[in-house]
Amino acid sequence: MSIPGAIAILCVRCYQAVLSPMLGRTCRFHPSCSQYYILAVRKYGLCVGSWRGICRISRCHPWNPGGYDPP
């Protein structure tokens, strides 16, 4: 994994540890959107993984039924 990819994952891990507990469980999917982002960056690299993560977050809204959605 590249250094920028590792830094991006570290930022998401910090979000998971600090902000996510305060916001509560709001993600409609499994794995959660933040975990999906980490898996996508590991699988596809920083650019493609970030794009897939952004697309996933854009689908996470009250009108989407959610469910299981692997990267």
PDB file of N, CA and C in Angstrom:
ATOM      1  N   MET A   1       0.849  -1.176   0.000  1.00  0.00           N
ATOM      2  CA  MET A   1       0.000   0.000   0.000  1.00  0.00           C
ATOM      3  C   MET A   1       0.893   1.236   0.000  1.00  0.00           C
ATOM      4  N   SER A   2       0.444   2.253  -0.705  1.00  0.00           N
ATOM      5  CA  SER A   2       1.211   3.487  -0.802  1.00  0.00           C
ATOM      6  C   SER A   2       1.097   4.295   0.491  1.00  0.00           C
ATOM      7  N   ILE A   3       2.019   5.211   0.670  1.00  0.00           N
ATOM      8  CA  ILE A   3       1.992   6.079   1.850  1.00  0.00           C
ATOM      9  C   ILE A   3       0.737   6.959   1.848  1.00  0.00           C
ATOM     10  N   PRO A   4       0.360   7.583   0.717  1.00  0.00           N
ATOM     11  CA  PRO A   4      -0.891   8.357   0.734  1.00  0.00           C
ATOM     12  C   PRO A   4      -2.120   7.501   1.071  1.00  0.00           C
ATOM     13  N   GLY A   5      -2.144   6.265   0.590  1.00  0.00           N
ATOM     14  CA  GLY A   5      -3.249   5.370   0.928  1.00  0.00           C
ATOM     15  C   GLY A   5      -3.288   5.063   2.416  1.00  0.00           C
ATOM     16  N   ALA A   6      -2.116   4.841   2.996  1.00  0.00           N
ATOM     17  CA  ALA A   6      -2.039   4.567   4.430  1.00  0.00           C
ATOM     18  C   ALA A   6      -2.474   5.786   5.245  1.00  0.00           C
ATOM     19  N   ILE A   7      -2.124   6.974   4.777  1.00  0.00           N
ATOM     20  CA  ILE A   7      -2.533   8.200   5.470  1.00  0.00           C
ATOM     21  C   ILE A   7      -4.047   8.375   5.393  1.00  0.00           C
ATOM     22  N   ALA A   8      -4.625   8.095   4.226  1.00  0.00           N
ATOM     23  CA  ALA A   8      -6.081   8.195   4.077  1.00  0.00           C
ATOM     24  C   ALA A   8      -6.785   7.221   5.018  1.00  0.00           C
ATOM     25  N   ILE A   9      -6.274   6.004   5.107  1.00  0.00           N
ATOM     26  CA  ILE A   9      -6.872   5.011   6.003  1.00  0.00           C
ATOM     27  C   ILE A   9      -6.718   5.445   7.457  1.00  0.00           C
ATOM     28  N   LEU A  10      -5.575   6.022   7.811  1.00  0.00           N
ATOM     29  CA  LEU A  10      -5.368   6.524   9.169  1.00  0.00           C
ATOM     30  C   LEU A  10      -6.386   7.611   9.501  1.00  0.00           C
ATOM     31  N   CYS A  11      -6.671   8.493   8.555  1.00  0.00           N
ATOM     32  CA  CYS A  11      -7.677   9.545   8.772  1.00  0.00           C
ATOM     33  C   CYS A  11      -9.053   8.941   9.030  1.00  0.00           C
ATOM     34  N   VAL A  12      -9.402   7.913   8.274  1.00  0.00           N
ATOM     35  CA  VAL A  12     -10.704   7.264   8.468  1.00  0.00           C
ATOM     36  C   VAL A  12     -10.735   6.552   9.813  1.00  0.00           C
ATOM     37  N   ARG A  13      -9.643   5.918  10.196  1.00  0.00           N
ATOM     38  CA  ARG A  13      -9.579   5.257  11.512  1.00  0.00           C
ATOM     39  C   ARG A  13      -9.759   6.276  12.637  1.00  0.00           C
ATOM     40  N   CYS A  14      -9.156   7.468  12.484  1.00  0.00           N
ATOM     41  CA  CYS A  14      -9.341   8.528  13.484  1.00  0.00           C
ATOM     42  C   CYS A  14     -10.804   8.952  13.543  1.00  0.00           C
ATOM     43  N   TYR A  15     -11.438   9.084  12.377  1.00  0.00           N
ATOM     44  CA  TYR A  15     -12.871   9.394  12.333  1.00  0.00           C
ATOM     45  C   TYR A  15     -13.667   8.318  13.071  1.00  0.00           C
ATOM     46  N   GLN A  16     -13.344   7.047  12.812  1.00  0.00           N
ATOM     47  CA  GLN A  16     -14.066   5.952  13.455  1.00  0.00           C
ATOM     48  C   GLN A  16     -13.902   5.990  14.970  1.00  0.00           C
ATOM     49  N   ALA A  17     -12.721   6.382  15.441  1.00  0.00           N
ATOM     50  CA  ALA A  17     -12.451   6.376  16.876  1.00  0.00           C
ATOM     51  C   ALA A  17     -13.014   7.607  17.587  1.00  0.00           C
ATOM     52  N   VAL A  18     -13.026   8.758  16.902  1.00  0.00           N
ATOM     53  CA  VAL A  18     -13.385  10.005  17.581  1.00  0.00           C
ATOM     54  C   VAL A  18     -14.805  10.476  17.238  1.00  0.00           C
ATOM     55  N   LEU A  19     -15.098  10.655  15.976  1.00  0.00           N
ATOM     56  CA  LEU A  19     -16.380  11.252  15.582  1.00  0.00           C
ATOM     57  C   LEU A  19     -17.527  10.255  15.479  1.00  0.00           C
ATOM     58  N   SER A  20     -17.260   9.091  14.948  1.00  0.00           N
ATOM     59  CA  SER A  20     -18.326   8.119  14.731  1.00  0.00           C
ATOM     60  C   SER A  20     -19.088   7.756  16.009  1.00  0.00           C
ATOM     61  N   PRO A  21     -18.414   7.554  17.149  1.00  0.00           N
ATOM     62  CA  PRO A  21     -19.179   7.247  18.369  1.00  0.00           C
ATOM     63  C   PRO A  21     -20.117   8.381  18.789  1.00  0.00           C
ATOM     64  N   MET A  22     -19.735   9.629  18.500  1.00  0.00           N
ATOM     65  CA  MET A  22     -20.586  10.765  18.862  1.00  0.00           C
ATOM     66  C   MET A  22     -21.790  10.888  17.931  1.00  0.00           C
ATOM     67  N   LEU A  23     -21.628  10.489  16.672  1.00  0.00           N
ATOM     68  CA  LEU A  23     -22.707  10.606  15.693  1.00  0.00           C
ATOM     69  C   LEU A  23     -23.696   9.452  15.768  1.00  0.00           C
ATOM     70  N   GLY A  24     -23.265   8.329  16.296  1.00  0.00           N
ATOM     71  CA  GLY A  24     -24.133   7.162  16.389  1.00  0.00           C
ATOM     72  C   GLY A  24     -24.124   6.356  15.103  1.00  0.00           C
ATOM     73  N   ARG A  25     -24.845   5.250  15.101  1.00  0.00           N
ATOM     74  CA  ARG A  25     -24.897   4.371  13.927  1.00  0.00           C
ATOM     75  C   ARG A  25     -25.906   4.933  12.933  1.00  0.00           C
ATOM     76  N   THR A  26     -25.405   5.539  11.880  1.00  0.00           N
ATOM     77  CA  THR A  26     -26.296   6.127  10.883  1.00  0.00           C
ATOM     78  C   THR A  26     -26.169   5.461   9.523  1.00  0.00           C
ATOM     79  N   CYS A  27     -25.161   4.621   9.325  1.00  0.00           N
ATOM     80  CA  CYS A  27     -24.953   4.003   8.022  1.00  0.00           C
ATOM     81  C   CYS A  27     -25.997   2.914   7.789  1.00  0.00           C
ATOM     82  N   ARG A  28     -26.524   2.874   6.575  1.00  0.00           N
ATOM     83  CA  ARG A  28     -27.575   1.926   6.215  1.00  0.00           C
ATOM     84  C   ARG A  28     -27.014   0.636   5.627  1.00  0.00           C
ATOM     85  N   PHE A  29     -25.715   0.576   5.459  1.00  0.00           N
ATOM     86  CA  PHE A  29     -25.088  -0.553   4.785  1.00  0.00           C
ATOM     87  C   PHE A  29     -24.224  -1.370   5.738  1.00  0.00           C
ATOM     88  N   HIS A  30     -23.898  -2.572   5.292  1.00  0.00           N
ATOM     89  CA  HIS A  30     -22.900  -3.398   5.969  1.00  0.00           C
ATOM     90  C   HIS A  30     -21.912  -3.860   4.911  1.00  0.00           C
ATOM     91  N   PRO A  31     -20.638  -3.647   5.047  1.00  0.00           N
ATOM     92  CA  PRO A  31     -19.945  -2.921   6.108  1.00  0.00           C
ATOM     93  C   PRO A  31     -20.286  -1.433   6.077  1.00  0.00           C
ATOM     94  N   SER A  32     -19.998  -0.758   7.189  1.00  0.00           N
ATOM     95  CA  SER A  32     -20.297   0.670   7.272  1.00  0.00           C
ATOM     96  C   SER A  32     -19.547   1.425   6.177  1.00  0.00           C
ATOM     97  N   CYS A  33     -19.968   2.639   5.908  1.00  0.00           N
ATOM     98  CA  CYS A  33     -19.351   3.421   4.833  1.00  0.00           C
ATOM     99  C   CYS A  33     -17.864   3.661   5.092  1.00  0.00           C
ATOM    100  N   SER A  34     -17.499   3.922   6.338  1.00  0.00           N
ATOM    101  CA  SER A  34     -16.083   4.149   6.630  1.00  0.00           C
ATOM    102  C   SER A  34     -15.276   2.862   6.464  1.00  0.00           C
ATOM    103  N   GLN A  35     -15.831   1.734   6.884  1.00  0.00           N
ATOM    104  CA  GLN A  35     -15.133   0.466   6.697  1.00  0.00           C
ATOM    105  C   GLN A  35     -15.067   0.108   5.216  1.00  0.00           C
ATOM    106  N   TYR A  36     -16.109   0.407   4.470  1.00  0.00           N
ATOM    107  CA  TYR A  36     -16.125   0.192   3.020  1.00  0.00           C
ATOM    108  C   TYR A  36     -14.994   0.984   2.369  1.00  0.00           C
ATOM    109  N   TYR A  37     -14.827   2.242   2.780  1.00  0.00           N
ATOM    110  CA  TYR A  37     -13.765   3.080   2.224  1.00  0.00           C
ATOM    111  C   TYR A  37     -12.394   2.437   2.458  1.00  0.00           C
ATOM    112  N   ILE A  38     -12.158   1.968   3.665  1.00  0.00           N
ATOM    113  CA  ILE A  38     -10.877   1.331   3.986  1.00  0.00           C
ATOM    114  C   ILE A  38     -10.664   0.097   3.115  1.00  0.00           C
ATOM    115  N   LEU A  39     -11.680  -0.744   3.005  1.00  0.00           N
ATOM    116  CA  LEU A  39     -11.565  -1.952   2.182  1.00  0.00           C
ATOM    117  C   LEU A  39     -11.339  -1.605   0.715  1.00  0.00           C
ATOM    118  N   ALA A  40     -12.025  -0.580   0.221  1.00  0.00           N
ATOM    119  CA  ALA A  40     -11.880  -0.184  -1.184  1.00  0.00           C
ATOM    120  C   ALA A  40     -10.487   0.366  -1.467  1.00  0.00           C
ATOM    121  N   VAL A  41      -9.936   1.165  -0.560  1.00  0.00           N
ATOM    122  CA  VAL A  41      -8.583   1.701  -0.760  1.00  0.00           C
ATOM    123  C   VAL A  41      -7.567   0.570  -0.737  1.00  0.00           C
ATOM    124  N   ARG A  42      -7.746  -0.383   0.151  1.00  0.00           N
ATOM    125  CA  ARG A  42      -6.823  -1.525   0.185  1.00  0.00           C
ATOM    126  C   ARG A  42      -6.920  -2.368  -1.084  1.00  0.00           C
ATOM    127  N   LYS A  43      -8.123  -2.534  -1.613  1.00  0.00           N
ATOM    128  CA  LYS A  43      -8.331  -3.400  -2.770  1.00  0.00           C
ATOM    129  C   LYS A  43      -7.979  -2.715  -4.085  1.00  0.00           C
ATOM    130  N   TYR A  44      -8.347  -1.446  -4.246  1.00  0.00           N
ATOM    131  CA  TYR A  44      -8.218  -0.766  -5.533  1.00  0.00           C
ATOM    132  C   TYR A  44      -7.168   0.341  -5.569  1.00  0.00           C
ATOM    133  N   GLY A  45      -6.594   0.697  -4.427  1.00  0.00           N
ATOM    134  CA  GLY A  45      -5.659   1.817  -4.397  1.00  0.00           C
ATOM    135  C   GLY A  45      -6.377   3.100  -4.001  1.00  0.00           C
ATOM    136  N   LEU A  46      -5.604   4.158  -3.804  1.00  0.00           N
ATOM    137  CA  LEU A  46      -6.160   5.396  -3.260  1.00  0.00           C
ATOM    138  C   LEU A  46      -7.161   6.062  -4.199  1.00  0.00           C
ATOM    139  N   CYS A  47      -6.823   6.237  -5.456  1.00  0.00           N
ATOM    140  CA  CYS A  47      -7.704   6.986  -6.373  1.00  0.00           C
ATOM    141  C   CYS A  47      -9.025   6.266  -6.623  1.00  0.00           C
ATOM    142  N   VAL A  48      -8.961   5.032  -7.082  1.00  0.00           N
ATOM    143  CA  VAL A  48     -10.186   4.281  -7.386  1.00  0.00           C
ATOM    144  C   VAL A  48     -10.944   3.971  -6.097  1.00  0.00           C
ATOM    145  N   GLY A  49     -10.231   3.605  -5.043  1.00  0.00           N
ATOM    146  CA  GLY A  49     -10.878   3.309  -3.765  1.00  0.00           C
ATOM    147  C   GLY A  49     -11.594   4.517  -3.187  1.00  0.00           C
ATOM    148  N   SER A  50     -10.973   5.691  -3.312  1.00  0.00           N
ATOM    149  CA  SER A  50     -11.624   6.914  -2.832  1.00  0.00           C
ATOM    150  C   SER A  50     -12.875   7.217  -3.643  1.00  0.00           C
ATOM    151  N   TRP A  51     -12.791   7.049  -4.963  1.00  0.00           N
ATOM    152  CA  TRP A  51     -13.966   7.281  -5.806  1.00  0.00           C
ATOM    153  C   TRP A  51     -15.099   6.335  -5.428  1.00  0.00           C
ATOM    154  N   ARG A  52     -14.770   5.064  -5.226  1.00  0.00           N
ATOM    155  CA  ARG A  52     -15.802   4.097  -4.841  1.00  0.00           C
ATOM    156  C   ARG A  52     -16.379   4.444  -3.466  1.00  0.00           C
ATOM    157  N   GLY A  53     -15.527   4.926  -2.551  1.00  0.00           N
ATOM    158  CA  GLY A  53     -16.006   5.348  -1.234  1.00  0.00           C
ATOM    159  C   GLY A  53     -16.944   6.541  -1.318  1.00  0.00           C
ATOM    160  N   ILE A  54     -16.612   7.503  -2.171  1.00  0.00           N
ATOM    161  CA  ILE A  54     -17.470   8.673  -2.359  1.00  0.00           C
ATOM    162  C   ILE A  54     -18.813   8.256  -2.950  1.00  0.00           C
ATOM    163  N   CYS A  55     -18.770   7.375  -3.930  1.00  0.00           N
ATOM    164  CA  CYS A  55     -20.026   6.887  -4.525  1.00  0.00           C
ATOM    165  C   CYS A  55     -20.874   6.162  -3.491  1.00  0.00           C
ATOM    166  N   ARG A  56     -20.236   5.398  -2.636  1.00  0.00           N
ATOM    167  CA  ARG A  56     -20.959   4.662  -1.592  1.00  0.00           C
ATOM    168  C   ARG A  56     -21.602   5.624  -0.598  1.00  0.00           C
ATOM    169  N   ILE A  57     -20.852   6.635  -0.157  1.00  0.00           N
ATOM    170  CA  ILE A  57     -21.390   7.606   0.795  1.00  0.00           C
ATOM    171  C   ILE A  57     -22.576   8.349   0.178  1.00  0.00           C
ATOM    172  N   SER A  58     -22.511   8.608  -1.125  1.00  0.00           N
ATOM    173  CA  SER A  58     -23.625   9.305  -1.779  1.00  0.00           C
ATOM    174  C   SER A  58     -24.888   8.443  -1.828  1.00  0.00           C
ATOM    175  N   ARG A  59     -24.748   7.127  -1.726  1.00  0.00           N
ATOM    176  CA  ARG A  59     -25.913   6.232  -1.698  1.00  0.00           C
ATOM    177  C   ARG A  59     -26.470   6.035  -0.292  1.00  0.00           C
ATOM    178  N   CYS A  60     -25.769   6.505   0.711  1.00  0.00           N
ATOM    179  CA  CYS A  60     -26.167   6.292   2.105  1.00  0.00           C
ATOM    180  C   CYS A  60     -27.103   7.429   2.540  1.00  0.00           C
ATOM    181  N   HIS A  61     -28.392   7.242   2.276  1.00  0.00           N
ATOM    182  CA  HIS A  61     -29.396   8.245   2.622  1.00  0.00           C
ATOM    183  C   HIS A  61     -30.696   7.523   2.981  1.00  0.00           C
ATOM    184  N   PRO A  62     -31.639   8.229   3.573  1.00  0.00           N
ATOM    185  CA  PRO A  62     -32.860   7.571   4.061  1.00  0.00           C
ATOM    186  C   PRO A  62     -33.704   6.883   2.990  1.00  0.00           C
ATOM    187  N   TRP A  63     -33.564   7.247   1.723  1.00  0.00           N
ATOM    188  CA  TRP A  63     -34.400   6.661   0.675  1.00  0.00           C
ATOM    189  C   TRP A  63     -33.783   5.410   0.059  1.00  0.00           C
ATOM    190  N   ASN A  64     -32.595   5.048   0.486  1.00  0.00           N
ATOM    191  CA  ASN A  64     -31.944   3.833   0.008  1.00  0.00           C
ATOM    192  C   ASN A  64     -32.150   2.749   1.058  1.00  0.00           C
ATOM    193  N   PRO A  65     -32.567   1.559   0.679  1.00  0.00           N
ATOM    194  CA  PRO A  65     -32.816   0.519   1.673  1.00  0.00           C
ATOM    195  C   PRO A  65     -31.554   0.006   2.361  1.00  0.00           C
ATOM    196  N   GLY A  66     -30.375   0.223   1.775  1.00  0.00           N
ATOM    197  CA  GLY A  66     -29.139  -0.242   2.388  1.00  0.00           C
ATOM    198  C   GLY A  66     -28.958  -1.736   2.219  1.00  0.00           C
ATOM    199  N   GLY A  67     -28.328  -2.364   3.207  1.00  0.00           N
ATOM    200  CA  GLY A  67     -28.093  -3.798   3.158  1.00  0.00           C
ATOM    201  C   GLY A  67     -26.624  -4.123   2.963  1.00  0.00           C
ATOM    202  N   TYR A  68     -26.353  -5.357   2.576  1.00  0.00           N
ATOM    203  CA  TYR A  68     -24.976  -5.812   2.383  1.00  0.00           C
ATOM    204  C   TYR A  68     -24.461  -5.306   1.041  1.00  0.00           C
ATOM    205  N   ASP A  69     -23.307  -4.634   1.060  1.00  0.00           N
ATOM    206  CA  ASP A  69     -22.736  -4.042  -0.149  1.00  0.00           C
ATOM    207  C   ASP A  69     -21.214  -4.100  -0.046  1.00  0.00           C
ATOM    208  N   PRO A  70     -20.596  -5.198  -0.484  1.00  0.00           N
ATOM    209  CA  PRO A  70     -19.138  -5.307  -0.390  1.00  0.00           C
ATOM    210  C   PRO A  70     -18.446  -4.432  -1.437  1.00  0.00           C
ATOM    211  N   PRO A  71     -17.193  -4.024  -1.173  1.00  0.00           N
ATOM    212  CA  PRO A  71     -16.460  -3.205  -2.160  1.00  0.00           C
ATOM    213  C   PRO A  71     -16.083  -3.972  -3.409  1.00  0.00           C
TER     214      PRO A  71
END
